Amino acid sequence: SVSFLRLFLEKDWIDYLASTDMGIVLVSDRNMQSLANYWRKHNSAISAVIYNDDGLDVANEKIRQLFIGRYLSFTGGNTLTQ
């Protein structure tokens, strides 16, 4: 995923996904966690981030909460700055 870093630095990809009017859930590995948190913080179209160390139970609970319409406001780890 680090090899695709430049692709995710521009906001075109997130704007394209947001235009579909579907909720966006990012699934992040350890290396991309800070970038995923950045996009979560700066784009309201992203509903949640599932982290590599969340575990199956936590990931399932996040998805369940989203399906019932809850807003997940927490992020884990560091966040990139502008």
PDB file of N, CA and C in Angstrom:
ATOM      1  N   SER A   1       0.809  -1.198   0.000  1.00  0.00           N
ATOM      2  CA  SER A   1       0.000   0.000   0.000  1.00  0.00           C
ATOM      3  C   SER A   1       0.855   1.266   0.000  1.00  0.00           C
ATOM      4  N   VAL A   2       2.053   1.194   0.520  1.00  0.00           N
ATOM      5  CA  VAL A   2       2.921   2.365   0.515  1.00  0.00           C
ATOM      6  C   VAL A   2       3.269   2.756  -0.914  1.00  0.00           C
ATOM      7  N   SER A   3       3.331   1.791  -1.818  1.00  0.00           N
ATOM      8  CA  SER A   3       3.642   2.094  -3.216  1.00  0.00           C
ATOM      9  C   SER A   3       2.550   2.938  -3.880  1.00  0.00           C
ATOM     10  N   PHE A   4       1.347   2.936  -3.342  1.00  0.00           N
ATOM     11  CA  PHE A   4       0.237   3.718  -3.878  1.00  0.00           C
ATOM     12  C   PHE A   4       0.025   5.029  -3.120  1.00  0.00           C
ATOM     13  N   LEU A   5       0.996   5.421  -2.323  1.00  0.00           N
ATOM     14  CA  LEU A   5       0.853   6.592  -1.463  1.00  0.00           C
ATOM     15  C   LEU A   5       0.494   7.852  -2.247  1.00  0.00           C
ATOM     16  N   ARG A   6       1.157   8.097  -3.363  1.00  0.00           N
ATOM     17  CA  ARG A   6       0.879   9.313  -4.141  1.00  0.00           C
ATOM     18  C   ARG A   6      -0.563   9.376  -4.615  1.00  0.00           C
ATOM     19  N   LEU A   7      -1.140   8.242  -4.952  1.00  0.00           N
ATOM     20  CA  LEU A   7      -2.531   8.207  -5.389  1.00  0.00           C
ATOM     21  C   LEU A   7      -3.462   8.730  -4.301  1.00  0.00           C
ATOM     22  N   PHE A   8      -3.191   8.386  -3.063  1.00  0.00           N
ATOM     23  CA  PHE A   8      -4.071   8.747  -1.960  1.00  0.00           C
ATOM     24  C   PHE A   8      -3.769  10.110  -1.354  1.00  0.00           C
ATOM     25  N   LEU A   9      -2.719  10.784  -1.814  1.00  0.00           N
ATOM     26  CA  LEU A   9      -2.420  12.122  -1.320  1.00  0.00           C
ATOM     27  C   LEU A   9      -3.313  13.178  -1.965  1.00  0.00           C
ATOM     28  N   GLU A  10      -3.743  12.934  -3.182  1.00  0.00           N
ATOM     29  CA  GLU A  10      -4.655  13.856  -3.864  1.00  0.00           C
ATOM     30  C   GLU A  10      -6.089  13.527  -3.465  1.00  0.00           C
ATOM     31  N   LYS A  11      -6.960  14.532  -3.456  1.00  0.00           N
ATOM     32  CA  LYS A  11      -8.328  14.278  -3.013  1.00  0.00           C
ATOM     33  C   LYS A  11      -9.274  13.841  -4.125  1.00  0.00           C
ATOM     34  N   ASP A  12      -8.770  13.658  -5.333  1.00  0.00           N
ATOM     35  CA  ASP A  12      -9.631  13.238  -6.446  1.00  0.00           C
ATOM     36  C   ASP A  12     -10.323  11.902  -6.169  1.00  0.00           C
ATOM     37  N   TRP A  13      -9.600  10.961  -5.590  1.00  0.00           N
ATOM     38  CA  TRP A  13     -10.172   9.639  -5.351  1.00  0.00           C
ATOM     39  C   TRP A  13     -11.318   9.714  -4.347  1.00  0.00           C
ATOM     40  N   ILE A  14     -11.161  10.534  -3.321  1.00  0.00           N
ATOM     41  CA  ILE A  14     -12.203  10.636  -2.301  1.00  0.00           C
ATOM     42  C   ILE A  14     -13.412  11.401  -2.849  1.00  0.00           C
ATOM     43  N   ASP A  15     -13.158  12.410  -3.689  1.00  0.00           N
ATOM     44  CA  ASP A  15     -14.265  13.142  -4.311  1.00  0.00           C
ATOM     45  C   ASP A  15     -15.075  12.228  -5.225  1.00  0.00           C
ATOM     46  N   TYR A  16     -14.377  11.357  -5.958  1.00  0.00           N
ATOM     47  CA  TYR A  16     -15.072  10.414  -6.837  1.00  0.00           C
ATOM     48  C   TYR A  16     -15.956   9.466  -6.024  1.00  0.00           C
ATOM     49  N   LEU A  17     -15.412   8.900  -4.966  1.00  0.00           N
ATOM     50  CA  LEU A  17     -16.204   7.987  -4.141  1.00  0.00           C
ATOM     51  C   LEU A  17     -17.353   8.712  -3.450  1.00  0.00           C
ATOM     52  N   ALA A  18     -17.114   9.931  -2.990  1.00  0.00           N
ATOM     53  CA  ALA A  18     -18.162  10.704  -2.324  1.00  0.00           C
ATOM     54  C   ALA A  18     -19.307  11.026  -3.280  1.00  0.00           C
ATOM     55  N   SER A  19     -19.015  11.164  -4.559  1.00  0.00           N
ATOM     56  CA  SER A  19     -20.058  11.483  -5.539  1.00  0.00           C
ATOM     57  C   SER A  19     -21.053  10.339  -5.733  1.00  0.00           C
ATOM     58  N   THR A  20     -20.737   9.153  -5.252  1.00  0.00           N
ATOM     59  CA  THR A  20     -21.644   8.011  -5.365  1.00  0.00           C
ATOM     60  C   THR A  20     -22.740   8.034  -4.306  1.00  0.00           C
ATOM     61  N   ASP A  21     -22.623   8.940  -3.328  1.00  0.00           N
ATOM     62  CA  ASP A  21     -23.590   9.066  -2.227  1.00  0.00           C
ATOM     63  C   ASP A  21     -23.700   7.806  -1.378  1.00  0.00           C
ATOM     64  N   MET A  22     -22.662   7.021  -1.345  1.00  0.00           N
ATOM     65  CA  MET A  22     -22.611   5.866  -0.457  1.00  0.00           C
ATOM     66  C   MET A  22     -21.624   6.172   0.663  1.00  0.00           C
ATOM     67  N   GLY A  23     -21.809   5.539   1.802  1.00  0.00           N
ATOM     68  CA  GLY A  23     -20.865   5.718   2.896  1.00  0.00           C
ATOM     69  C   GLY A  23     -19.524   5.093   2.544  1.00  0.00           C
ATOM     70  N   ILE A  24     -18.462   5.736   2.964  1.00  0.00           N
ATOM     71  CA  ILE A  24     -17.117   5.248   2.674  1.00  0.00           C
ATOM     72  C   ILE A  24     -16.498   4.748   3.966  1.00  0.00           C
ATOM     73  N   VAL A  25     -16.003   3.524   3.942  1.00  0.00           N
ATOM     74  CA  VAL A  25     -15.278   2.942   5.065  1.00  0.00           C
ATOM     75  C   VAL A  25     -13.879   2.619   4.572  1.00  0.00           C
ATOM     76  N   LEU A  26     -12.885   3.233   5.199  1.00  0.00           N
ATOM     77  CA  LEU A  26     -11.499   2.961   4.834  1.00  0.00           C
ATOM     78  C   LEU A  26     -10.988   1.786   5.652  1.00  0.00           C
ATOM     79  N   VAL A  27     -10.277   0.887   5.008  1.00  0.00           N
ATOM     80  CA  VAL A  27      -9.609  -0.222   5.682  1.00  0.00           C
ATOM     81  C   VAL A  27      -8.121   0.043   5.537  1.00  0.00           C
ATOM     82  N   SER A  28      -7.455   0.233   6.670  1.00  0.00           N
ATOM     83  CA  SER A  28      -6.078   0.715   6.652  1.00  0.00           C
ATOM     84  C   SER A  28      -5.114  -0.290   7.261  1.00  0.00           C
ATOM     85  N   ASP A  29      -3.956  -0.410   6.617  1.00  0.00           N
ATOM     86  CA  ASP A  29      -2.883  -1.176   7.240  1.00  0.00           C
ATOM     87  C   ASP A  29      -2.092  -0.246   8.162  1.00  0.00           C
ATOM     88  N   ARG A  30      -1.111  -0.772   8.837  1.00  0.00           N
ATOM     89  CA  ARG A  30      -0.333  -0.007   9.814  1.00  0.00           C
ATOM     90  C   ARG A  30       0.359   1.186   9.176  1.00  0.00           C
ATOM     91  N   ASN A  31       0.899   1.021   7.981  1.00  0.00           N
ATOM     92  CA  ASN A  31       1.646   2.087   7.317  1.00  0.00           C
ATOM     93  C   ASN A  31       0.772   3.251   6.865  1.00  0.00           C
ATOM     94  N   MET A  32      -0.473   3.001   6.569  1.00  0.00           N
ATOM     95  CA  MET A  32      -1.360   4.039   6.033  1.00  0.00           C
ATOM     96  C   MET A  32      -2.333   4.592   7.076  1.00  0.00           C
ATOM     97  N   GLN A  33      -2.174   4.204   8.322  1.00  0.00           N
ATOM     98  CA  GLN A  33      -3.107   4.598   9.372  1.00  0.00           C
ATOM     99  C   GLN A  33      -3.187   6.117   9.540  1.00  0.00           C
ATOM    100  N   SER A  34      -2.061   6.803   9.555  1.00  0.00           N
ATOM    101  CA  SER A  34      -2.074   8.262   9.722  1.00  0.00           C
ATOM    102  C   SER A  34      -2.773   8.953   8.558  1.00  0.00           C
ATOM    103  N   LEU A  35      -2.558   8.462   7.352  1.00  0.00           N
ATOM    104  CA  LEU A  35      -3.219   9.043   6.183  1.00  0.00           C
ATOM    105  C   LEU A  35      -4.724   8.773   6.220  1.00  0.00           C
ATOM    106  N   ALA A  36      -5.110   7.575   6.619  1.00  0.00           N
ATOM    107  CA  ALA A  36      -6.535   7.258   6.745  1.00  0.00           C
ATOM    108  C   ALA A  36      -7.191   8.163   7.781  1.00  0.00           C
ATOM    109  N   ASN A  37      -6.517   8.408   8.895  1.00  0.00           N
ATOM    110  CA  ASN A  37      -7.048   9.309   9.918  1.00  0.00           C
ATOM    111  C   ASN A  37      -7.166  10.735   9.398  1.00  0.00           C
ATOM    112  N   TYR A  38      -6.208  11.151   8.591  1.00  0.00           N
ATOM    113  CA  TYR A  38      -6.261  12.487   7.993  1.00  0.00           C
ATOM    114  C   TYR A  38      -7.519  12.635   7.139  1.00  0.00           C
ATOM    115  N   TRP A  39      -7.744  11.665   6.246  1.00  0.00           N
ATOM    116  CA  TRP A  39      -8.915  11.757   5.376  1.00  0.00           C
ATOM    117  C   TRP A  39     -10.199  11.671   6.183  1.00  0.00           C
ATOM    118  N   ARG A  40     -10.226  10.850   7.209  1.00  0.00           N
ATOM    119  CA  ARG A  40     -11.413  10.728   8.077  1.00  0.00           C
ATOM    120  C   ARG A  40     -11.719  12.063   8.740  1.00  0.00           C
ATOM    121  N   LYS A  41     -10.675  12.748   9.170  1.00  0.00           N
ATOM    122  CA  LYS A  41     -10.840  14.032   9.859  1.00  0.00           C
ATOM    123  C   LYS A  41     -11.268  15.142   8.900  1.00  0.00           C
ATOM    124  N   HIS A  42     -10.803  15.091   7.656  1.00  0.00           N
ATOM    125  CA  HIS A  42     -11.016  16.196   6.728  1.00  0.00           C
ATOM    126  C   HIS A  42     -12.100  15.959   5.676  1.00  0.00           C
ATOM    127  N   ASN A  43     -12.770  14.824   5.700  1.00  0.00           N
ATOM    128  CA  ASN A  43     -13.806  14.566   4.710  1.00  0.00           C
ATOM    129  C   ASN A  43     -14.980  13.850   5.368  1.00  0.00           C
ATOM    130  N   SER A  44     -16.106  14.513   5.401  1.00  0.00           N
ATOM    131  CA  SER A  44     -17.279  13.961   6.089  1.00  0.00           C
ATOM    132  C   SER A  44     -17.897  12.768   5.362  1.00  0.00           C
ATOM    133  N   ALA A  45     -17.494  12.515   4.125  1.00  0.00           N
ATOM    134  CA  ALA A  45     -18.024  11.364   3.391  1.00  0.00           C
ATOM    135  C   ALA A  45     -17.485  10.045   3.932  1.00  0.00           C
ATOM    136  N   ILE A  46     -16.382  10.099   4.664  1.00  0.00           N
ATOM    137  CA  ILE A  46     -15.794   8.878   5.225  1.00  0.00           C
ATOM    138  C   ILE A  46     -16.485   8.573   6.544  1.00  0.00           C
ATOM    139  N   SER A  47     -17.150   7.435   6.595  1.00  0.00           N
ATOM    140  CA  SER A  47     -17.932   7.064   7.766  1.00  0.00           C
ATOM    141  C   SER A  47     -17.092   6.471   8.880  1.00  0.00           C
ATOM    142  N   ALA A  48     -16.038   5.745   8.531  1.00  0.00           N
ATOM    143  CA  ALA A  48     -15.227   5.082   9.550  1.00  0.00           C
ATOM    144  C   ALA A  48     -13.916   4.606   8.949  1.00  0.00           C
ATOM    145  N   VAL A  49     -12.996   4.276   9.843  1.00  0.00           N
ATOM    146  CA  VAL A  49     -11.738   3.644   9.456  1.00  0.00           C
ATOM    147  C   VAL A  49     -11.627   2.348  10.241  1.00  0.00           C
ATOM    148  N   ILE A  50     -11.370   1.265   9.541  1.00  0.00           N
ATOM    149  CA  ILE A  50     -11.089  -0.019  10.186  1.00  0.00           C
ATOM    150  C   ILE A  50      -9.581  -0.217  10.115  1.00  0.00           C
ATOM    151  N   TYR A  51      -8.975  -0.401  11.273  1.00  0.00           N
ATOM    152  CA  TYR A  51      -7.520  -0.500  11.369  1.00  0.00           C
ATOM    153  C   TYR A  51      -7.067  -1.952  11.348  1.00  0.00           C
ATOM    154  N   ASN A  52      -5.811  -2.155  10.991  1.00  0.00           N
ATOM    155  CA  ASN A  52      -5.277  -3.509  10.879  1.00  0.00           C
ATOM    156  C   ASN A  52      -5.286  -4.254  12.206  1.00  0.00           C
ATOM    157  N   ASP A  53      -5.226  -3.547  13.314  1.00  0.00           N
ATOM    158  CA  ASP A  53      -5.186  -4.216  14.615  1.00  0.00           C
ATOM    159  C   ASP A  53      -6.539  -4.198  15.329  1.00  0.00           C
ATOM    160  N   ASP A  54      -7.611  -3.835  14.635  1.00  0.00           N
ATOM    161  CA  ASP A  54      -8.934  -3.786  15.257  1.00  0.00           C
ATOM    162  C   ASP A  54      -9.442  -5.165  15.664  1.00  0.00           C
ATOM    163  N   GLY A  55      -9.120  -6.171  14.918  1.00  0.00           N
ATOM    164  CA  GLY A  55      -9.665  -7.486  15.199  1.00  0.00           C
ATOM    165  C   GLY A  55     -11.046  -7.634  14.581  1.00  0.00           C
ATOM    166  N   LEU A  56     -11.453  -8.851  14.390  1.00  0.00           N
ATOM    167  CA  LEU A  56     -12.716  -9.137  13.714  1.00  0.00           C
ATOM    168  C   LEU A  56     -13.918  -8.616  14.487  1.00  0.00           C
ATOM    169  N   ASP A  57     -13.922  -8.780  15.805  1.00  0.00           N
ATOM    170  CA  ASP A  57     -15.058  -8.318  16.607  1.00  0.00           C
ATOM    171  C   ASP A  57     -15.231  -6.806  16.526  1.00  0.00           C
ATOM    172  N   VAL A  58     -14.139  -6.065  16.619  1.00  0.00           N
ATOM    173  CA  VAL A  58     -14.199  -4.601  16.558  1.00  0.00           C
ATOM    174  C   VAL A  58     -14.632  -4.144  15.170  1.00  0.00           C
ATOM    175  N   ALA A  59     -14.063  -4.747  14.133  1.00  0.00           N
ATOM    176  CA  ALA A  59     -14.437  -4.385  12.760  1.00  0.00           C
ATOM    177  C   ALA A  59     -15.922  -4.656  12.517  1.00  0.00           C
ATOM    178  N   ASN A  60     -16.405  -5.803  12.960  1.00  0.00           N
ATOM    179  CA  ASN A  60     -17.824  -6.129  12.808  1.00  0.00           C
ATOM    180  C   ASN A  60     -18.707  -5.141  13.559  1.00  0.00           C
ATOM    181  N   GLU A  61     -18.286  -4.739  14.749  1.00  0.00           N
ATOM    182  CA  GLU A  61     -19.067  -3.784  15.535  1.00  0.00           C
ATOM    183  C   GLU A  61     -19.103  -2.411  14.857  1.00  0.00           C
ATOM    184  N   LYS A  62     -17.995  -1.974  14.298  1.00  0.00           N
ATOM    185  CA  LYS A  62     -17.983  -0.701  13.573  1.00  0.00           C
ATOM    186  C   LYS A  62     -18.950  -0.749  12.399  1.00  0.00           C
ATOM    187  N   ILE A  63     -18.916  -1.818  11.648  1.00  0.00           N
ATOM    188  CA  ILE A  63     -19.809  -1.956  10.494  1.00  0.00           C
ATOM    189  C   ILE A  63     -21.265  -2.017  10.949  1.00  0.00           C
ATOM    190  N   ARG A  64     -21.529  -2.745  12.024  1.00  0.00           N
ATOM    191  CA  ARG A  64     -22.893  -2.831  12.558  1.00  0.00           C
ATOM    192  C   ARG A  64     -23.406  -1.453  12.967  1.00  0.00           C
ATOM    193  N   GLN A  65     -22.558  -0.687  13.656  1.00  0.00           N
ATOM    194  CA  GLN A  65     -22.943   0.660  14.084  1.00  0.00           C
ATOM    195  C   GLN A  65     -23.263   1.552  12.885  1.00  0.00           C
ATOM    196  N   LEU A  66     -22.490   1.431  11.834  1.00  0.00           N
ATOM    197  CA  LEU A  66     -22.747   2.224  10.630  1.00  0.00           C
ATOM    198  C   LEU A  66     -24.067   1.836   9.969  1.00  0.00           C
ATOM    199  N   PHE A  67     -24.365   0.542   9.939  1.00  0.00           N
ATOM    200  CA  PHE A  67     -25.600   0.086   9.307  1.00  0.00           C
ATOM    201  C   PHE A  67     -26.840   0.560  10.053  1.00  0.00           C
ATOM    202  N   ILE A  68     -26.731   0.761  11.360  1.00  0.00           N
ATOM    203  CA  ILE A  68     -27.891   1.250  12.109  1.00  0.00           C
ATOM    204  C   ILE A  68     -27.904   2.774  12.192  1.00  0.00           C
ATOM    205  N   GLY A  69     -26.983   3.420  11.484  1.00  0.00           N
ATOM    206  CA  GLY A  69     -27.019   4.867  11.362  1.00  0.00           C
ATOM    207  C   GLY A  69     -26.236   5.657  12.383  1.00  0.00           C
ATOM    208  N   ARG A  70     -25.395   5.017  13.134  1.00  0.00           N
ATOM    209  CA  ARG A  70     -24.590   5.733  14.128  1.00  0.00           C
ATOM    210  C   ARG A  70     -23.358   6.341  13.485  1.00  0.00           C
ATOM    211  N   TYR A  71     -22.939   7.489  14.030  1.00  0.00           N
ATOM    212  CA  TYR A  71     -21.726   8.166  13.580  1.00  0.00           C
ATOM    213  C   TYR A  71     -20.578   7.715  14.467  1.00  0.00           C
ATOM    214  N   LEU A  72     -19.509   7.217  13.870  1.00  0.00           N
ATOM    215  CA  LEU A  72     -18.341   6.780  14.628  1.00  0.00           C
ATOM    216  C   LEU A  72     -17.336   7.923  14.659  1.00  0.00           C
ATOM    217  N   SER A  73     -17.121   8.490  15.824  1.00  0.00           N
ATOM    218  CA  SER A  73     -16.300   9.695  15.913  1.00  0.00           C
ATOM    219  C   SER A  73     -14.866   9.435  16.337  1.00  0.00           C
ATOM    220  N   PHE A  74     -14.523   8.206  16.634  1.00  0.00           N
ATOM    221  CA  PHE A  74     -13.180   7.941  17.141  1.00  0.00           C
ATOM    222  C   PHE A  74     -12.227   7.530  16.031  1.00  0.00           C
ATOM    223  N   THR A  75     -10.962   7.879  16.238  1.00  0.00           N
ATOM    224  CA  THR A  75      -9.888   7.426  15.360  1.00  0.00           C
ATOM    225  C   THR A  75      -8.793   6.870  16.243  1.00  0.00           C
ATOM    226  N   GLY A  76      -7.974   6.024  15.692  1.00  0.00           N
ATOM    227  CA  GLY A  76      -6.878   5.453  16.449  1.00  0.00           C
ATOM    228  C   GLY A  76      -5.544   5.908  15.912  1.00  0.00           C
ATOM    229  N   GLY A  77      -4.612   6.178  16.795  1.00  0.00           N
ATOM    230  CA  GLY A  77      -3.265   6.513  16.360  1.00  0.00           C
ATOM    231  C   GLY A  77      -3.098   7.954  15.917  1.00  0.00           C
ATOM    232  N   ASN A  78      -2.051   8.183  15.158  1.00  0.00           N
ATOM    233  CA  ASN A  78      -1.673   9.518  14.706  1.00  0.00           C
ATOM    234  C   ASN A  78      -2.456   9.940  13.471  1.00  0.00           C
ATOM    235  N   THR A  79      -2.457  11.249  13.237  1.00  0.00           N
ATOM    236  CA  THR A  79      -3.089  11.829  12.059  1.00  0.00           C
ATOM    237  C   THR A  79      -2.101  12.754  11.378  1.00  0.00           C
ATOM    238  N   LEU A  80      -2.021  12.691  10.056  1.00  0.00           N
ATOM    239  CA  LEU A  80      -1.172  13.618   9.312  1.00  0.00           C
ATOM    240  C   LEU A  80      -1.747  15.020   9.395  1.00  0.00           C
ATOM    241  N   THR A  81      -0.890  16.015   9.263  1.00  0.00           N
ATOM    242  CA  THR A  81      -1.337  17.402   9.229  1.00  0.00           C
ATOM    243  C   THR A  81      -1.147  17.956   7.827  1.00  0.00           C
ATOM    244  N   GLN A  82      -1.746  19.101   7.574  1.00  0.00           N
ATOM    245  CA  GLN A  82      -1.649  19.686   6.232  1.00  0.00           C
ATOM    246  C   GLN A  82      -0.332  20.313   6.004  1.00  0.00           C
TER     247      GLN A  82
END
